[in-house]
Amino acid sequence: PLINSVIISGSTALLTVIVAGLAAYPLSRYQ
């Protein structure tokens, strides 16, 4: 269960950071 938690939580965090960064860039830099 801990291995599953690391895989699920880590994969979710990694994908979220990548997508959120790409989405936040135009929101921050462009009008």
PDB file of all heavy atoms in Angstrom:
ATOM      1  N   PRO A   1       0.802  -1.229   0.000  1.00  0.00           N
ATOM      2  CA  PRO A   1       0.000   0.000   0.000  1.00  0.00           C
ATOM      3  C   PRO A   1       0.831   1.273   0.000  1.00  0.00           C
ATOM      4  O   PRO A   1       0.455   2.256  -0.655  1.00  0.00           O
ATOM      5  CB  PRO A   1      -0.831  -0.130   1.285  1.00  0.00           C
ATOM      6  CG  PRO A   1      -0.942  -1.586   1.525  1.00  0.00           C
ATOM      7  CD  PRO A   1       0.371  -2.148   1.071  1.00  0.00           C
ATOM      8  N   LEU A   2       1.955   1.290   0.722  1.00  0.00           N
ATOM      9  CA  LEU A   2       2.796   2.485   0.709  1.00  0.00           C
ATOM     10  C   LEU A   2       3.430   2.701  -0.664  1.00  0.00           C
ATOM     11  O   LEU A   2       3.556   3.844  -1.126  1.00  0.00           O
ATOM     12  CB  LEU A   2       3.882   2.377   1.780  1.00  0.00           C
ATOM     13  CG  LEU A   2       3.449   2.622   3.224  1.00  0.00           C
ATOM     14  CD1 LEU A   2       4.639   2.491   4.167  1.00  0.00           C
ATOM     15  CD2 LEU A   2       2.810   4.000   3.383  1.00  0.00           C
ATOM     16  N   ILE A   3       3.828   1.606  -1.316  1.00  0.00           N
ATOM     17  CA  ILE A   3       4.369   1.731  -2.675  1.00  0.00           C
ATOM     18  C   ILE A   3       3.310   2.294  -3.611  1.00  0.00           C
ATOM     19  O   ILE A   3       3.586   3.181  -4.438  1.00  0.00           O
ATOM     20  CB  ILE A   3       4.876   0.366  -3.176  1.00  0.00           C
ATOM     21  CG1 ILE A   3       6.093  -0.084  -2.355  1.00  0.00           C
ATOM     22  CG2 ILE A   3       5.237   0.432  -4.655  1.00  0.00           C
ATOM     23  CD1 ILE A   3       6.593  -1.469  -2.703  1.00  0.00           C
ATOM     24  N   ASN A   4       2.080   1.789  -3.487  1.00  0.00           N
ATOM     25  CA  ASN A   4       0.987   2.315  -4.309  1.00  0.00           C
ATOM     26  C   ASN A   4       0.734   3.786  -4.011  1.00  0.00           C
ATOM     27  O   ASN A   4       0.468   4.579  -4.929  1.00  0.00           O
ATOM     28  CB  ASN A   4      -0.288   1.506  -4.058  1.00  0.00           C
ATOM     29  CG  ASN A   4      -0.177   0.076  -4.548  1.00  0.00           C
ATOM     30  OD1 ASN A   4       0.616  -0.222  -5.437  1.00  0.00           O
ATOM     31  ND2 ASN A   4      -0.960  -0.814  -3.969  1.00  0.00           N
ATOM     32  N   SER A   5       0.818   4.168  -2.742  1.00  0.00           N
ATOM     33  CA  SER A   5       0.610   5.571  -2.379  1.00  0.00           C
ATOM     34  C   SER A   5       1.680   6.464  -2.996  1.00  0.00           C
ATOM     35  O   SER A   5       1.380   7.558  -3.499  1.00  0.00           O
ATOM     36  CB  SER A   5       0.616   5.727  -0.858  1.00  0.00           C
ATOM     37  OG  SER A   5      -0.478   5.061  -0.269  1.00  0.00           O
ATOM     38  N   VAL A   6       2.929   6.004  -2.962  1.00  0.00           N
ATOM     39  CA  VAL A   6       4.016   6.794  -3.551  1.00  0.00           C
ATOM     40  C   VAL A   6       3.825   6.933  -5.055  1.00  0.00           C
ATOM     41  O   VAL A   6       4.008   8.026  -5.628  1.00  0.00           O
ATOM     42  CB  VAL A   6       5.378   6.144  -3.227  1.00  0.00           C
ATOM     43  CG1 VAL A   6       6.492   6.827  -4.002  1.00  0.00           C
ATOM     44  CG2 VAL A   6       5.663   6.196  -1.731  1.00  0.00           C
ATOM     45  N   ILE A   7       3.450   5.840  -5.715  1.00  0.00           N
ATOM     46  CA  ILE A   7       3.257   5.877  -7.165  1.00  0.00           C
ATOM     47  C   ILE A   7       2.107   6.804  -7.530  1.00  0.00           C
ATOM     48  O   ILE A   7       2.230   7.672  -8.414  1.00  0.00           O
ATOM     49  CB  ILE A   7       3.002   4.458  -7.712  1.00  0.00           C
ATOM     50  CG1 ILE A   7       4.263   3.602  -7.547  1.00  0.00           C
ATOM     51  CG2 ILE A   7       2.573   4.517  -9.174  1.00  0.00           C
ATOM     52  CD1 ILE A   7       4.059   2.154  -7.942  1.00  0.00           C
ATOM     53  N   ILE A   8       0.970   6.658  -6.851  1.00  0.00           N
ATOM     54  CA  ILE A   8      -0.214   7.457  -7.179  1.00  0.00           C
ATOM     55  C   ILE A   8       0.010   8.921  -6.835  1.00  0.00           C
ATOM     56  O   ILE A   8      -0.221   9.816  -7.668  1.00  0.00           O
ATOM     57  CB  ILE A   8      -1.447   6.894  -6.453  1.00  0.00           C
ATOM     58  CG1 ILE A   8      -1.801   5.508  -6.987  1.00  0.00           C
ATOM     59  CG2 ILE A   8      -2.637   7.839  -6.606  1.00  0.00           C
ATOM     60  CD1 ILE A   8      -2.900   4.807  -6.217  1.00  0.00           C
ATOM     61  N   SER A   9       0.478   9.195  -5.604  1.00  0.00           N
ATOM     62  CA  SER A   9       0.668  10.585  -5.186  1.00  0.00           C
ATOM     63  C   SER A   9       1.798  11.255  -5.954  1.00  0.00           C
ATOM     64  O   SER A   9       1.679  12.413  -6.372  1.00  0.00           O
ATOM     65  CB  SER A   9       0.959  10.638  -3.684  1.00  0.00           C
ATOM     66  OG  SER A   9      -0.081  10.048  -2.945  1.00  0.00           O
ATOM     67  N   GLY A  10       2.908  10.530  -6.170  1.00  0.00           N
ATOM     68  CA  GLY A  10       4.028  11.108  -6.903  1.00  0.00           C
ATOM     69  C   GLY A  10       3.700  11.392  -8.353  1.00  0.00           C
ATOM     70  O   GLY A  10       4.045  12.458  -8.879  1.00  0.00           O
ATOM     71  N   SER A  11       3.022  10.456  -9.018  1.00  0.00           N
ATOM     72  CA  SER A  11       2.641  10.670 -10.419  1.00  0.00           C
ATOM     73  C   SER A  11       1.662  11.829 -10.545  1.00  0.00           C
ATOM     74  O   SER A  11       1.770  12.657 -11.461  1.00  0.00           O
ATOM     75  CB  SER A  11       2.018   9.391 -10.990  1.00  0.00           C
ATOM     76  OG  SER A  11       2.929   8.312 -10.915  1.00  0.00           O
ATOM     77  N   THR A  12       0.716  11.909  -9.621  1.00  0.00           N
ATOM     78  CA  THR A  12      -0.243  13.013  -9.650  1.00  0.00           C
ATOM     79  C   THR A  12       0.448  14.351  -9.442  1.00  0.00           C
ATOM     80  O   THR A  12       0.156  15.328 -10.146  1.00  0.00           O
ATOM     81  CB  THR A  12      -1.321  12.797  -8.579  1.00  0.00           C
ATOM     82  OG1 THR A  12      -1.972  11.545  -8.788  1.00  0.00           O
ATOM     83  CG2 THR A  12      -2.348  13.907  -8.626  1.00  0.00           C
ATOM     84  N   ALA A  13       1.376  14.403  -8.489  1.00  0.00           N
ATOM     85  CA  ALA A  13       2.088  15.655  -8.231  1.00  0.00           C
ATOM     86  C   ALA A  13       2.932  16.072  -9.435  1.00  0.00           C
ATOM     87  O   ALA A  13       2.965  17.250  -9.807  1.00  0.00           O
ATOM     88  CB  ALA A  13       2.965  15.507  -6.991  1.00  0.00           C
ATOM     89  N   LEU A  14       3.613  15.118 -10.060  1.00  0.00           N
ATOM     90  CA  LEU A  14       4.461  15.436 -11.209  1.00  0.00           C
ATOM     91  C   LEU A  14       3.640  15.957 -12.379  1.00  0.00           C
ATOM     92  O   LEU A  14       3.972  16.993 -12.982  1.00  0.00           O
ATOM     93  CB  LEU A  14       5.250  14.192 -11.623  1.00  0.00           C
ATOM     94  CG  LEU A  14       6.167  14.340 -12.833  1.00  0.00           C
ATOM     95  CD1 LEU A  14       7.242  15.389 -12.568  1.00  0.00           C
ATOM     96  CD2 LEU A  14       6.811  13.001 -13.195  1.00  0.00           C
ATOM     97  N   LEU A  15       2.564  15.256 -12.719  1.00  0.00           N
ATOM     98  CA  LEU A  15       1.719  15.694 -13.833  1.00  0.00           C
ATOM     99  C   LEU A  15       1.062  17.037 -13.536  1.00  0.00           C
ATOM    100  O   LEU A  15       0.957  17.902 -14.422  1.00  0.00           O
ATOM    101  CB  LEU A  15       0.649  14.641 -14.118  1.00  0.00           C
ATOM    102  CG  LEU A  15       1.123  13.342 -14.774  1.00  0.00           C
ATOM    103  CD1 LEU A  15      -0.037  12.357 -14.896  1.00  0.00           C
ATOM    104  CD2 LEU A  15       1.734  13.617 -16.143  1.00  0.00           C
ATOM    105  N   THR A  16       0.642  17.225 -12.287  1.00  0.00           N
ATOM    106  CA  THR A  16      -0.003  18.487 -11.931  1.00  0.00           C
ATOM    107  C   THR A  16       0.948  19.653 -12.062  1.00  0.00           C
ATOM    108  O   THR A  16       0.579  20.723 -12.569  1.00  0.00           O
ATOM    109  CB  THR A  16      -0.552  18.405 -10.499  1.00  0.00           C
ATOM    110  OG1 THR A  16      -1.481  17.325 -10.394  1.00  0.00           O
ATOM    111  CG2 THR A  16      -1.246  19.697 -10.117  1.00  0.00           C
ATOM    112  N   VAL A  17       2.192  19.486 -11.622  1.00  0.00           N
ATOM    113  CA  VAL A  17       3.171  20.566 -11.707  1.00  0.00           C
ATOM    114  C   VAL A  17       3.442  20.927 -13.166  1.00  0.00           C
ATOM    115  O   VAL A  17       3.506  22.118 -13.525  1.00  0.00           O
ATOM    116  CB  VAL A  17       4.471  20.162 -10.987  1.00  0.00           C
ATOM    117  CG1 VAL A  17       5.613  21.090 -11.361  1.00  0.00           C
ATOM    118  CG2 VAL A  17       4.267  20.172  -9.485  1.00  0.00           C
ATOM    119  N   ILE A  18       3.600  19.923 -14.025  1.00  0.00           N
ATOM    120  CA  ILE A  18       3.893  20.188 -15.441  1.00  0.00           C
ATOM    121  C   ILE A  18       2.738  20.921 -16.108  1.00  0.00           C
ATOM    122  O   ILE A  18       2.915  21.957 -16.762  1.00  0.00           O
ATOM    123  CB  ILE A  18       4.198  18.866 -16.175  1.00  0.00           C
ATOM    124  CG1 ILE A  18       5.493  18.248 -15.628  1.00  0.00           C
ATOM    125  CG2 ILE A  18       4.319  19.109 -17.673  1.00  0.00           C
ATOM    126  CD1 ILE A  18       5.802  16.876 -16.205  1.00  0.00           C
ATOM    127  N   VAL A  19       1.521  20.392 -15.951  1.00  0.00           N
ATOM    128  CA  VAL A  19       0.360  20.995 -16.615  1.00  0.00           C
ATOM    129  C   VAL A  19       0.045  22.359 -16.014  1.00  0.00           C
ATOM    130  O   VAL A  19      -0.276  23.311 -16.737  1.00  0.00           O
ATOM    131  CB  VAL A  19      -0.850  20.050 -16.521  1.00  0.00           C
ATOM    132  CG1 VAL A  19      -2.078  20.686 -17.161  1.00  0.00           C
ATOM    133  CG2 VAL A  19      -0.545  18.720 -17.201  1.00  0.00           C
ATOM    134  N   ALA A  20       0.134  22.474 -14.685  1.00  0.00           N
ATOM    135  CA  ALA A  20      -0.159  23.759 -14.045  1.00  0.00           C
ATOM    136  C   ALA A  20       0.849  24.821 -14.459  1.00  0.00           C
ATOM    137  O   ALA A  20       0.482  25.988 -14.654  1.00  0.00           O
ATOM    138  CB  ALA A  20      -0.160  23.597 -12.527  1.00  0.00           C
ATOM    139  N   GLY A  21       2.122  24.440 -14.616  1.00  0.00           N
ATOM    140  CA  GLY A  21       3.122  25.405 -15.064  1.00  0.00           C
ATOM    141  C   GLY A  21       2.854  25.902 -16.474  1.00  0.00           C
ATOM    142  O   GLY A  21       2.964  27.106 -16.749  1.00  0.00           O
ATOM    143  N   LEU A  22       2.499  24.978 -17.363  1.00  0.00           N
ATOM    144  CA  LEU A  22       2.203  25.369 -18.741  1.00  0.00           C
ATOM    145  C   LEU A  22       0.932  26.211 -18.824  1.00  0.00           C
ATOM    146  O   LEU A  22       0.818  27.098 -19.678  1.00  0.00           O
ATOM    147  CB  LEU A  22       2.054  24.117 -19.616  1.00  0.00           C
ATOM    148  CG  LEU A  22       3.329  23.279 -19.801  1.00  0.00           C
ATOM    149  CD1 LEU A  22       3.020  22.022 -20.607  1.00  0.00           C
ATOM    150  CD2 LEU A  22       4.418  24.091 -20.491  1.00  0.00           C
ATOM    151  N   ALA A  23      -0.038  25.940 -17.947  1.00  0.00           N
ATOM    152  CA  ALA A  23      -1.277  26.723 -17.951  1.00  0.00           C
ATOM    153  C   ALA A  23      -1.075  28.085 -17.295  1.00  0.00           C
ATOM    154  O   ALA A  23      -1.699  29.079 -17.706  1.00  0.00           O
ATOM    155  CB  ALA A  23      -2.376  25.949 -17.231  1.00  0.00           C
ATOM    156  N   ALA A  24      -0.220  28.147 -16.270  1.00  0.00           N
ATOM    157  CA  ALA A  24      -0.024  29.408 -15.560  1.00  0.00           C
ATOM    158  C   ALA A  24       0.814  30.401 -16.347  1.00  0.00           C
ATOM    159  O   ALA A  24       0.695  31.610 -16.130  1.00  0.00           O
ATOM    160  CB  ALA A  24       0.638  29.133 -14.208  1.00  0.00           C
ATOM    161  N   TYR A  25       1.655  29.907 -17.256  1.00  0.00           N
ATOM    162  CA  TYR A  25       2.546  30.808 -17.994  1.00  0.00           C
ATOM    163  C   TYR A  25       1.779  31.853 -18.806  1.00  0.00           C
ATOM    164  O   TYR A  25       2.038  33.064 -18.668  1.00  0.00           O
ATOM    165  CB  TYR A  25       3.482  30.011 -18.885  1.00  0.00           C
ATOM    166  CG  TYR A  25       4.503  30.857 -19.602  1.00  0.00           C
ATOM    167  CD1 TYR A  25       5.656  31.278 -18.948  1.00  0.00           C
ATOM    168  CD2 TYR A  25       4.307  31.253 -20.923  1.00  0.00           C
ATOM    169  CE1 TYR A  25       6.592  32.074 -19.590  1.00  0.00           C
ATOM    170  CE2 TYR A  25       5.234  32.044 -21.576  1.00  0.00           C
ATOM    171  CZ  TYR A  25       6.375  32.457 -20.906  1.00  0.00           C
ATOM    172  OH  TYR A  25       7.291  33.245 -21.548  1.00  0.00           O
ATOM    173  N   PRO A  26       0.848  31.467 -19.682  1.00  0.00           N
ATOM    174  CA  PRO A  26       0.111  32.513 -20.419  1.00  0.00           C
ATOM    175  C   PRO A  26      -0.768  33.358 -19.508  1.00  0.00           C
ATOM    176  O   PRO A  26      -0.981  34.545 -19.797  1.00  0.00           O
ATOM    177  CB  PRO A  26      -0.729  31.711 -21.425  1.00  0.00           C
ATOM    178  CG  PRO A  26      -0.837  30.351 -20.842  1.00  0.00           C
ATOM    179  CD  PRO A  26       0.443  30.118 -20.111  1.00  0.00           C
ATOM    180  N   LEU A  27      -1.288  32.780 -18.418  1.00  0.00           N
ATOM    181  CA  LEU A  27      -2.106  33.568 -17.503  1.00  0.00           C
ATOM    182  C   LEU A  27      -1.278  34.630 -16.796  1.00  0.00           C
ATOM    183  O   LEU A  27      -1.800  35.696 -16.437  1.00  0.00           O
ATOM    184  CB  LEU A  27      -2.756  32.643 -16.463  1.00  0.00           C
ATOM    185  CG  LEU A  27      -3.809  31.668 -16.991  1.00  0.00           C
ATOM    186  CD1 LEU A  27      -4.235  30.699 -15.903  1.00  0.00           C
ATOM    187  CD2 LEU A  27      -5.025  32.431 -17.517  1.00  0.00           C
ATOM    188  N   SER A  28      -0.007  34.361 -16.610  1.00  0.00           N
ATOM    189  CA  SER A  28       0.865  35.305 -15.921  1.00  0.00           C
ATOM    190  C   SER A  28       1.511  36.310 -16.866  1.00  0.00           C
ATOM    191  O   SER A  28       1.718  37.464 -16.483  1.00  0.00           O
ATOM    192  CB  SER A  28       1.955  34.539 -15.165  1.00  0.00           C
ATOM    193  OG  SER A  28       2.890  35.418 -14.582  1.00  0.00           O
ATOM    194  N   ARG A  29       1.794  35.890 -18.086  1.00  0.00           N
ATOM    195  CA  ARG A  29       2.607  36.719 -18.971  1.00  0.00           C
ATOM    196  C   ARG A  29       1.800  37.491 -20.023  1.00  0.00           C
ATOM    197  O   ARG A  29       2.268  38.501 -20.547  1.00  0.00           O
ATOM    198  CB  ARG A  29       3.636  35.843 -19.689  1.00  0.00           C
ATOM    199  CG  ARG A  29       4.726  35.302 -18.752  1.00  0.00           C
ATOM    200  CD  ARG A  29       5.469  36.463 -18.127  1.00  0.00           C
ATOM    201  NE  ARG A  29       6.651  36.027 -17.364  1.00  0.00           N
ATOM    202  CZ  ARG A  29       6.732  36.064 -16.054  1.00  0.00           C
ATOM    203  NH1 ARG A  29       5.690  36.478 -15.340  1.00  0.00           N
ATOM    204  NH2 ARG A  29       7.826  35.695 -15.425  1.00  0.00           N
ATOM    205  N   TYR A  30       0.608  37.046 -20.353  1.00  0.00           N
ATOM    206  CA  TYR A  30      -0.153  37.672 -21.430  1.00  0.00           C
ATOM    207  C   TYR A  30      -1.437  38.297 -20.882  1.00  0.00           C
ATOM    208  O   TYR A  30      -2.036  37.799 -19.923  1.00  0.00           O
ATOM    209  CB  TYR A  30      -0.492  36.660 -22.519  1.00  0.00           C
ATOM    210  CG  TYR A  30       0.727  36.010 -23.124  1.00  0.00           C
ATOM    211  CD1 TYR A  30       0.863  34.622 -23.129  1.00  0.00           C
ATOM    212  CD2 TYR A  30       1.752  36.765 -23.676  1.00  0.00           C
ATOM    213  CE1 TYR A  30       1.982  34.007 -23.676  1.00  0.00           C
ATOM    214  CE2 TYR A  30       2.874  36.169 -24.221  1.00  0.00           C
ATOM    215  CZ  TYR A  30       2.983  34.800 -24.223  1.00  0.00           C
ATOM    216  OH  TYR A  30       4.099  34.202 -24.756  1.00  0.00           O
ATOM    217  N   GLN A  31      -1.858  39.366 -21.526  1.00  0.00           N
ATOM    218  CA  GLN A  31      -3.101  40.037 -21.182  1.00  0.00           C
ATOM    219  C   GLN A  31      -4.256  39.377 -21.941  1.00  0.00           C
ATOM    220  O   GLN A  31      -4.688  39.842 -22.985  1.00  0.00           O
ATOM    221  CB  GLN A  31      -3.005  41.538 -21.514  1.00  0.00           C
ATOM    222  CG  GLN A  31      -1.965  42.295 -20.722  1.00  0.00           C
ATOM    223  CD  GLN A  31      -2.290  42.320 -19.235  1.00  0.00           C
ATOM    224  OE1 GLN A  31      -3.461  42.343 -18.843  1.00  0.00           O
ATOM    225  NE2 GLN A  31      -1.255  42.327 -18.408  1.00  0.00           N
TER     226      GLN A  31
END
